[in-house]
Protein backbone atom coordinates (compact mmCIF):
# COMPACT_ATOMS: atom_id res chain seq x y z
CA MET A 1 -2.11 -9.45 25.43
CA LYS A 2 -3.54 -6.69 23.22
CA ARG A 3 -3.63 -7.22 19.46
CA PHE A 4 -4.15 -4.59 16.77
CA PHE A 5 -4.56 -5.72 13.14
CA LEU A 6 -3.85 -2.86 10.71
CA ILE A 7 -4.83 -3.93 7.19
CA VAL A 8 -3.90 -1.63 4.29
CA LEU A 9 -5.82 -2.53 1.13
CA ASP A 10 -3.26 -1.02 -1.24
CA GLY A 11 -4.86 1.41 -3.70
CA LEU A 12 -8.45 1.02 -2.46
CA GLY A 13 -9.36 4.72 -2.29
CA CYS A 14 -12.90 5.98 -1.78
CA GLY A 15 -13.16 9.26 -3.66
CA ALA A 16 -11.04 12.17 -4.84
CA ALA A 17 -9.34 14.16 -2.08
CA ARG A 18 -10.01 17.88 -1.78
CA ASP A 19 -6.75 18.70 -3.54
CA ALA A 20 -7.06 16.02 -6.25
CA ALA A 21 -6.95 18.65 -9.00
CA ALA A 22 -3.36 19.50 -8.08
CA TYR A 23 -2.44 15.89 -8.80
CA GLY A 24 -4.46 15.49 -11.99
CA ASP A 25 -6.93 13.18 -10.26
CA VAL A 26 -10.28 14.93 -10.50
CA GLY A 27 -12.95 12.25 -10.89
CA SER A 28 -10.89 9.45 -9.38
CA ASP A 29 -13.02 7.30 -7.08
CA THR A 30 -11.64 3.79 -6.91
CA ILE A 31 -14.43 2.00 -5.04
CA GLY A 32 -17.23 4.14 -6.42
CA ASN A 33 -16.16 3.98 -10.05
CA VAL A 34 -15.57 0.22 -9.94
CA ALA A 35 -19.05 -0.21 -8.47
CA ARG A 36 -20.59 1.87 -11.26
CA ALA A 37 -18.56 0.09 -13.94
CA VAL A 38 -19.81 -3.37 -12.92
CA GLY A 39 -23.42 -2.32 -12.27
CA GLY A 40 -23.15 -2.42 -8.48
CA LEU A 41 -21.20 -4.40 -5.90
CA GLU A 42 -22.50 -7.29 -3.80
CA LEU A 43 -20.33 -7.21 -0.69
CA PRO A 44 -22.48 -8.47 2.18
CA VAL A 45 -19.74 -8.55 4.82
CA LEU A 46 -18.36 -5.09 4.00
CA GLU A 47 -21.92 -3.80 3.74
CA GLY A 48 -22.65 -5.16 7.21
CA LEU A 49 -19.52 -3.50 8.58
CA GLY A 50 -20.70 -0.13 7.32
CA LEU A 51 -18.97 0.45 3.96
CA GLY A 52 -22.15 2.03 2.60
CA ARG A 53 -22.22 4.45 5.53
CA ILE A 54 -18.82 5.90 4.60
CA ARG A 55 -20.09 7.20 1.26
CA PRO A 56 -22.55 6.02 -1.40
CA VAL A 57 -21.36 2.90 -3.25
CA GLU A 58 -23.66 1.43 -5.90
CA GLY A 59 -25.05 -1.90 -4.71
CA VAL A 60 -23.89 -1.44 -1.09
CA ARG A 61 -26.67 -0.45 1.31
CA PRO A 62 -26.02 2.07 4.11
CA VAL A 63 -27.13 -0.30 6.88
CA ALA A 64 -28.80 1.22 9.92
CA GLN A 65 -26.80 -0.83 12.44
CA PRO A 66 -23.30 -1.54 11.14
CA ARG A 67 -20.92 -3.90 12.93
CA ALA A 68 -17.92 -1.55 12.70
CA ALA A 69 -17.04 2.05 13.42
CA PHE A 70 -16.83 3.78 10.03
CA GLY A 71 -15.40 6.88 8.40
CA MET A 72 -12.81 8.05 5.91
CA MET A 73 -9.40 9.71 6.13
CA ARG A 74 -7.93 12.50 4.01
CA PRO A 75 -4.26 12.51 2.98
CA ALA A 76 -2.27 15.26 4.68
CA SER A 77 1.15 14.43 3.24
CA ALA A 78 2.31 15.70 -0.12
CA GLY A 79 2.21 12.98 -2.76
CA LYS A 80 0.26 9.80 -3.39
CA ASP A 81 2.82 7.06 -3.05
CA SER A 82 2.60 3.85 -1.03
CA THR A 83 5.55 4.97 1.09
CA THR A 84 3.92 8.32 1.80
CA GLY A 85 0.60 6.71 2.68
CA HIS A 86 2.05 4.08 5.02
CA TRP A 87 4.33 6.60 6.72
CA GLU A 88 1.39 8.92 7.33
CA ILE A 89 -0.70 6.08 8.74
CA CYS A 90 2.15 5.55 11.22
CA GLY A 91 2.29 9.21 12.23
CA LEU A 92 4.92 10.62 9.86
CA THR A 93 3.71 13.23 7.36
CA VAL A 94 5.78 14.38 4.38
CA ALA A 95 5.77 18.09 3.56
CA ARG A 96 7.22 17.84 0.04
CA PRO A 97 6.43 15.20 -2.56
CA PHE A 98 9.16 12.81 -3.58
CA PRO A 99 10.69 13.66 -7.00
CA THR A 100 9.15 12.25 -10.17
CA TYR A 101 10.64 11.91 -13.65
CA PRO A 102 8.03 12.24 -16.41
CA LYS A 103 10.81 12.57 -19.02
CA GLY A 104 13.06 9.88 -17.57
CA PHE A 105 16.10 10.18 -15.32
CA PRO A 106 18.96 12.61 -15.99
CA ALA A 107 21.99 11.22 -17.81
CA GLU A 108 24.22 11.66 -14.76
CA VAL A 109 21.93 9.40 -12.69
CA LEU A 110 22.05 6.59 -15.24
CA GLU A 111 25.79 6.98 -15.81
CA GLU A 112 26.42 6.61 -12.09
CA PHE A 113 24.09 3.60 -11.90
CA SER A 114 25.97 1.95 -14.78
CA ARG A 115 29.33 2.74 -13.19
CA ARG A 116 28.27 1.18 -9.91
CA THR A 117 26.72 -1.93 -11.42
CA GLY A 118 28.84 -2.54 -14.52
CA ARG A 119 25.85 -2.77 -16.86
CA GLY A 120 24.24 -0.41 -19.36
CA VAL A 121 20.68 0.87 -19.31
CA LEU A 122 17.69 0.45 -21.63
CA GLY A 123 14.40 2.32 -21.48
CA ASN A 124 14.59 5.29 -19.13
CA LYS A 125 11.01 6.49 -19.47
CA PRO A 126 7.66 6.24 -17.71
CA ALA A 127 6.07 2.95 -18.69
CA SER A 128 3.87 0.06 -17.69
CA GLY A 129 6.03 -2.72 -16.32
CA THR A 130 4.46 -5.40 -18.48
CA ALA A 131 4.64 -3.18 -21.59
CA ILE A 132 8.29 -2.26 -21.19
CA ILE A 133 9.51 -5.82 -20.74
CA ALA A 134 7.53 -6.79 -23.85
CA GLU A 135 9.19 -3.91 -25.71
CA LEU A 136 12.76 -4.27 -24.46
CA GLY A 137 13.03 -7.76 -22.98
CA GLU A 138 14.57 -9.38 -26.06
CA ARG A 139 17.16 -6.60 -26.35
CA HIS A 140 17.91 -6.95 -22.65
CA LEU A 141 18.57 -10.68 -23.15
CA ALA A 142 20.96 -9.88 -25.99
CA THR A 143 22.88 -7.08 -24.23
CA GLY A 144 22.58 -7.79 -20.50
CA ASP A 145 21.66 -4.15 -19.94
CA TRP A 146 19.22 -3.22 -17.20
CA ILE A 147 15.69 -2.12 -18.14
CA VAL A 148 15.16 1.08 -16.13
CA TYR A 149 11.81 2.84 -16.07
CA THR A 150 9.58 4.99 -13.89
CA SER A 151 5.93 6.06 -13.70
CA ALA A 152 3.93 9.04 -12.50
CA ASP A 153 4.97 7.93 -9.01
CA SER A 154 8.36 8.50 -7.41
CA VAL A 155 9.99 5.21 -8.40
CA PHE A 156 13.20 3.98 -10.00
CA GLN A 157 12.30 0.55 -11.34
CA VAL A 158 14.84 -1.99 -12.58
CA ALA A 159 13.69 -4.98 -14.59
CA ALA A 160 15.87 -7.98 -15.40
CA HIS A 161 15.28 -11.51 -16.69
CA GLU A 162 16.06 -14.03 -13.97
CA GLU A 163 17.98 -16.27 -16.37
CA LYS A 164 20.09 -13.37 -17.67
CA ILE A 165 20.82 -11.57 -14.40
CA PRO A 166 20.59 -13.59 -11.18
CA LEU A 167 18.18 -12.29 -8.56
CA GLU A 168 20.95 -11.48 -6.10
CA GLU A 169 22.69 -9.32 -8.69
CA LEU A 170 19.41 -7.52 -9.42
CA TYR A 171 18.86 -6.92 -5.72
CA ARG A 172 22.46 -5.74 -5.31
CA GLY A 173 21.99 -3.34 -8.21
CA CYS A 174 18.85 -1.95 -6.64
CA ARG A 175 20.63 -1.48 -3.33
CA GLU A 176 23.29 0.50 -5.21
CA ALA A 177 20.56 2.61 -6.80
CA ARG A 178 18.98 3.20 -3.40
CA ALA A 179 22.32 4.30 -1.95
CA MET A 180 22.90 6.84 -4.72
CA LEU A 181 19.33 8.18 -5.06
CA THR A 182 19.29 10.65 -2.18
CA GLY A 183 18.92 14.39 -1.83
CA ALA A 184 17.44 16.00 -4.95
CA HIS A 185 17.07 12.55 -6.54
CA GLY A 186 15.72 10.86 -3.40
CA VAL A 187 12.94 8.85 -5.02
CA SER A 188 10.45 7.21 -2.71
CA ARG A 189 11.24 3.67 -3.85
CA VAL A 190 13.70 1.68 -5.92
CA ILE A 191 11.90 -1.46 -7.12
CA ALA A 192 13.44 -4.69 -8.39
CA ARG A 193 11.19 -6.15 -11.12
CA PRO A 194 12.39 -9.61 -12.17
CA PHE A 195 10.73 -11.47 -15.05
CA VAL A 196 10.99 -14.80 -16.85
CA GLY A 197 9.88 -16.49 -20.05
CA PRO A 198 10.76 -16.38 -23.76
CA PRO A 199 10.37 -13.35 -26.07
CA GLY A 200 6.70 -12.73 -26.72
CA ALA A 201 5.70 -14.38 -23.45
CA PHE A 202 7.60 -12.53 -20.74
CA THR A 203 5.94 -12.55 -17.32
CA ARG A 204 6.91 -10.81 -14.09
CA THR A 205 7.64 -13.01 -11.09
CA SER A 206 6.78 -12.81 -7.42
CA HIS A 207 10.38 -11.93 -6.51
CA ARG A 208 9.81 -8.16 -6.57
CA ARG A 209 11.55 -6.15 -3.86
CA ASP A 210 11.07 -2.51 -2.86
CA TYR A 211 13.81 -0.35 -1.38
CA SER A 212 12.39 2.74 0.32
CA LEU A 213 14.08 5.69 1.91
CA ASP A 214 14.55 5.48 5.65
CA PRO A 215 11.64 7.20 7.42
CA VAL A 216 12.65 10.81 8.08
CA GLY A 217 11.29 10.79 11.61
CA PRO A 218 9.93 8.46 14.29
CA THR A 219 6.94 6.28 13.42
CA LEU A 220 4.48 4.12 15.31
CA LEU A 221 6.78 1.17 14.64
CA ASP A 222 9.67 2.89 16.42
CA TYR A 223 7.57 3.66 19.48
CA LEU A 224 6.32 0.09 19.65
CA ALA A 225 9.84 -1.29 19.31
CA ASP A 226 11.12 0.98 22.08
CA ALA A 227 8.35 -0.34 24.33
CA GLY A 228 9.12 -3.96 23.48
CA ILE A 229 5.75 -4.49 21.78
CA PRO A 230 5.88 -7.13 18.99
CA ARG A 231 5.37 -6.12 15.37
CA THR A 232 4.40 -8.70 12.74
CA GLY A 233 4.47 -7.74 9.05
CA VAL A 234 2.47 -9.21 6.18
CA GLY A 235 3.29 -8.09 2.65
CA LYS A 236 5.71 -5.35 1.64
CA VAL A 237 5.37 -3.22 4.79
CA ASP A 238 9.00 -3.84 5.76
CA ASP A 239 10.18 -2.50 2.40
CA LEU A 240 8.13 0.69 2.86
CA PHE A 241 9.88 1.44 6.16
CA ALA A 242 13.34 0.34 4.97
CA ALA A 243 12.96 -2.61 7.39
CA ARG A 244 13.19 -0.26 10.37
CA ASN A 245 11.57 -1.99 13.33
CA ILE A 246 9.43 -4.25 11.15
CA THR A 247 10.04 -7.53 9.36
CA ALA A 248 7.48 -9.11 7.08
CA THR A 249 6.62 -12.15 5.02
CA HIS A 250 6.01 -10.97 1.46
CA THR A 251 2.84 -11.94 -0.34
CA PRO A 252 2.58 -11.92 -4.16
CA THR A 253 -1.22 -12.27 -4.04
CA ASN A 254 -4.08 -11.16 -1.84
CA ALA A 255 -4.86 -14.80 -1.11
CA ASP A 256 -1.38 -15.17 0.41
CA ALA A 257 -2.00 -12.14 2.61
CA TYR A 258 -5.34 -13.48 3.82
CA ARG A 259 -3.72 -16.85 4.60
CA LEU A 260 -1.03 -15.18 6.70
CA LEU A 261 -3.63 -13.06 8.46
CA ARG A 262 -5.58 -16.19 9.37
CA ASP A 263 -2.37 -17.65 10.75
CA ALA A 264 -1.61 -14.49 12.73
CA LEU A 265 -5.11 -14.42 14.20
CA ALA A 266 -4.61 -17.99 15.36
CA HIS A 267 -1.05 -17.78 16.62
CA VAL A 268 0.11 -14.21 17.33
CA ASP A 269 -0.50 -13.55 21.01
CA SER A 270 0.08 -9.79 21.19
CA GLY A 271 1.23 -6.66 19.40
CA LEU A 272 0.69 -5.05 16.02
CA VAL A 273 -0.02 -7.11 12.92
CA PHE A 274 0.59 -4.74 10.00
CA ALA A 275 -0.46 -6.01 6.56
CA ASN A 276 -0.34 -4.70 3.02
CA VAL A 277 -2.81 -6.41 0.67
CA ILE A 278 -1.13 -5.75 -2.66
CA GLU A 279 -3.20 -6.78 -5.68
CA PHE A 280 -5.79 -3.99 -5.76
CA ASP A 281 -2.83 -1.79 -6.67
CA GLN A 282 -0.23 -4.03 -8.29
CA SER A 283 -2.37 -6.42 -10.30
CA TRP A 284 -5.53 -4.46 -11.12
CA GLY A 285 -5.22 -0.73 -10.49
CA HIS A 286 -1.94 -0.33 -12.39
CA ARG A 287 -3.32 -2.40 -15.27
CA ASN A 288 -6.77 -0.78 -15.47
CA ASP A 289 -8.26 -4.22 -14.89
CA VAL A 290 -11.79 -3.50 -13.71
CA ALA A 291 -12.88 -7.15 -13.87
CA GLY A 292 -9.88 -8.23 -11.80
CA PHE A 293 -10.51 -5.45 -9.29
CA HIS A 294 -14.14 -6.50 -8.97
CA ALA A 295 -13.16 -10.13 -8.45
CA GLY A 296 -10.66 -8.99 -5.81
CA LEU A 297 -13.37 -7.14 -3.91
CA LEU A 298 -15.57 -10.24 -3.95
CA GLU A 299 -12.62 -12.31 -2.68
CA LEU A 300 -11.95 -9.79 0.09
CA ASP A 301 -15.58 -9.93 1.20
CA ARG A 302 -15.57 -13.74 1.27
CA GLU A 303 -12.36 -13.84 3.29
CA LEU A 304 -13.37 -11.16 5.78
CA GLY A 305 -16.10 -13.21 7.41
CA GLY A 306 -13.68 -15.92 8.44
CA LEU A 307 -11.02 -13.45 9.56
CA LEU A 308 -13.42 -11.51 11.76
CA ASP A 309 -14.73 -14.71 13.32
CA GLN A 310 -11.22 -15.29 14.74
CA LEU A 311 -11.04 -12.02 16.67
CA ARG A 312 -10.51 -12.18 20.42
CA GLU A 313 -12.52 -10.05 22.82
CA ASP A 314 -10.03 -7.19 23.09
CA ASP A 315 -8.77 -7.19 19.48
CA LEU A 316 -9.00 -4.28 17.08
CA PHE A 317 -9.07 -5.03 13.35
CA VAL A 318 -8.86 -2.01 11.03
CA LEU A 319 -9.36 -1.87 7.26
CA THR A 320 -8.02 1.14 5.35
CA ALA A 321 -5.88 2.08 2.32
CA ASP A 322 -2.84 4.19 1.46
CA HIS A 323 -4.04 5.98 -1.72
CA GLY A 324 -6.34 5.32 -4.66
CA ASN A 325 -5.65 3.46 -7.91
CA ASP A 326 -8.79 3.78 -9.99
CA PRO A 327 -8.83 1.17 -12.78
CA THR A 328 -11.59 3.02 -14.65
CA THR A 329 -9.56 6.15 -15.43
CA ALA A 330 -7.20 6.70 -18.34
CA THR A 331 -4.11 6.73 -16.13
CA THR A 332 -2.59 3.57 -14.68
CA ASP A 333 -1.01 5.39 -11.75
CA HIS A 334 -1.94 6.12 -8.15
CA ALA A 335 -4.72 8.61 -7.43
CA ARG A 336 -4.96 11.30 -4.76
CA GLU A 337 -7.95 9.94 -2.87
CA ASN A 338 -9.44 9.70 0.57
CA VAL A 339 -9.29 6.23 2.08
CA PRO A 340 -11.91 4.15 3.91
CA LEU A 341 -11.76 3.50 7.63
CA LEU A 342 -13.53 0.50 9.16
CA VAL A 343 -12.73 -0.41 12.78
CA CYS A 344 -13.88 -3.86 13.86
CA GLY A 345 -13.79 -5.85 17.08
CA PRO A 346 -16.04 -7.47 19.66
CA ARG A 347 -15.87 -4.38 21.89
CA VAL A 348 -16.10 -1.75 19.15
CA ARG A 349 -19.00 0.68 19.19
CA PRO A 350 -20.29 1.21 15.62
CA VAL A 351 -19.95 4.99 15.69
CA ALA A 352 -19.52 7.39 12.80
CA LEU A 353 -15.90 8.61 12.76
CA GLY A 354 -16.51 11.24 10.09
CA GLU A 355 -13.91 12.55 7.68
CA ARG A 356 -10.58 12.51 9.48
CA PRO A 357 -8.07 15.22 8.41
CA THR A 358 -5.10 12.84 8.23
CA PHE A 359 -4.24 9.16 7.98
CA ALA A 360 -2.17 9.71 11.13
CA ASP A 361 -5.32 9.59 13.25
CA LEU A 362 -5.16 5.82 12.78
CA GLY A 363 -1.56 5.58 13.95
CA GLN A 364 -2.29 7.78 16.95
CA THR A 365 -5.18 5.47 17.82
CA ALA A 366 -2.91 2.43 17.70
CA ALA A 367 -0.34 4.26 19.83
CA GLU A 368 -2.93 5.04 22.50
CA TYR A 369 -4.22 1.46 22.37
CA PHE A 370 -0.75 0.15 23.22
CA GLY A 371 0.07 2.97 25.64
CA VAL A 372 2.99 4.42 23.65
CA GLY A 373 3.71 7.78 22.07
CA PRO A 374 2.04 10.11 21.46
CA LEU A 375 3.01 10.36 17.82
CA SER A 376 3.98 13.76 16.42
CA THR A 377 0.70 14.17 14.55
CA GLY A 378 -2.82 12.78 14.45
CA THR A 379 -5.75 12.60 16.87
CA SER A 380 -6.73 9.29 18.42
CA PHE A 381 -10.32 8.09 18.06
CA LEU A 382 -9.81 5.15 20.43
CA ARG A 383 -12.14 6.41 23.14
CA GLU A 384 -14.84 7.00 20.54
CA VAL A 385 -14.85 3.40 19.36
CA LEU A 386 -14.21 1.52 22.60
CA ALA A 387 -16.51 1.41 25.58
CA TRP A 388 -13.83 0.04 27.92
CA ARG A 389 -10.88 1.47 29.78
CA THR A 390 -7.67 1.31 27.70
CA THR A 391 -4.94 1.99 30.27
């Protein structure tokens, strides 16, 4: 009846990785820079767990006796995408970054997309999602053409007004894009970005869908499935693994994710509960919204107390991230950052886990906890954090 709660706080990095310069991310420090920007953070629950022991964070004390094991993890995969980060957490590292398109997609890609879907294309440039629908939404309504755009990340994003192009047609178009974007043009994700409203007041809806590449090797999820161990998804985790051995309930807000986690703590009897908490990235990091990010941290801290109170004796509850997304920097894109690692549970010893060389150490730990694997990479820290026999 073992339960392992793996919570990815999307975009909540904790300082530039050693190779951040290669990604243009020197100075990125999502948690640290937000703390400095707001004059210090008051996060009593996270402070008590040991957040201030991972690295200095203004306003967060490095408590002498934390409740959790604490450390940070360095990215080992090439890239800084959500897919890359989640795959690495689950034991699959990527040697080459997924392709990006700072000047837009080649003409042959868009011509093939139009041929497959029967619609033309507007945009074709890196852009903020809210900015490009404000710029091109009225023209899209007049022509019925897709709005296609990208970012500094490896994404092919397709925006469409829900009253002009039905959701199912948008999703079908994105599936066509996913099928054709392979090989040299194998972007990490194709993303459906529906929106509604009149010109001048367009707003994106919660009906976003992500279409990732199939994982290129076995992951923690595959090993668990082979062993018959249940896997429960919260948020977009199924999209990031192309729905291979994971299904999930999507959550447009962090509050929705916390509600589903409360429900899982109350009703899921065993297995992995794998959650992506989306708004640090989607709502605040990508929009350089420091105030929103700060409010989200306060909300997380308030929610955590109640979540942790529901843990059973043998549960493990892990907080981490997949990359950074610093709202204080000029860019609105992901950042190459280390990620926090907080391991909670009634039987956890509050040890220092140091700076782990790969996110895969977490996946290897989960694999050992459930008695599967080992995964192809990563070093388990299970026996460091638990004072009880695991097999």
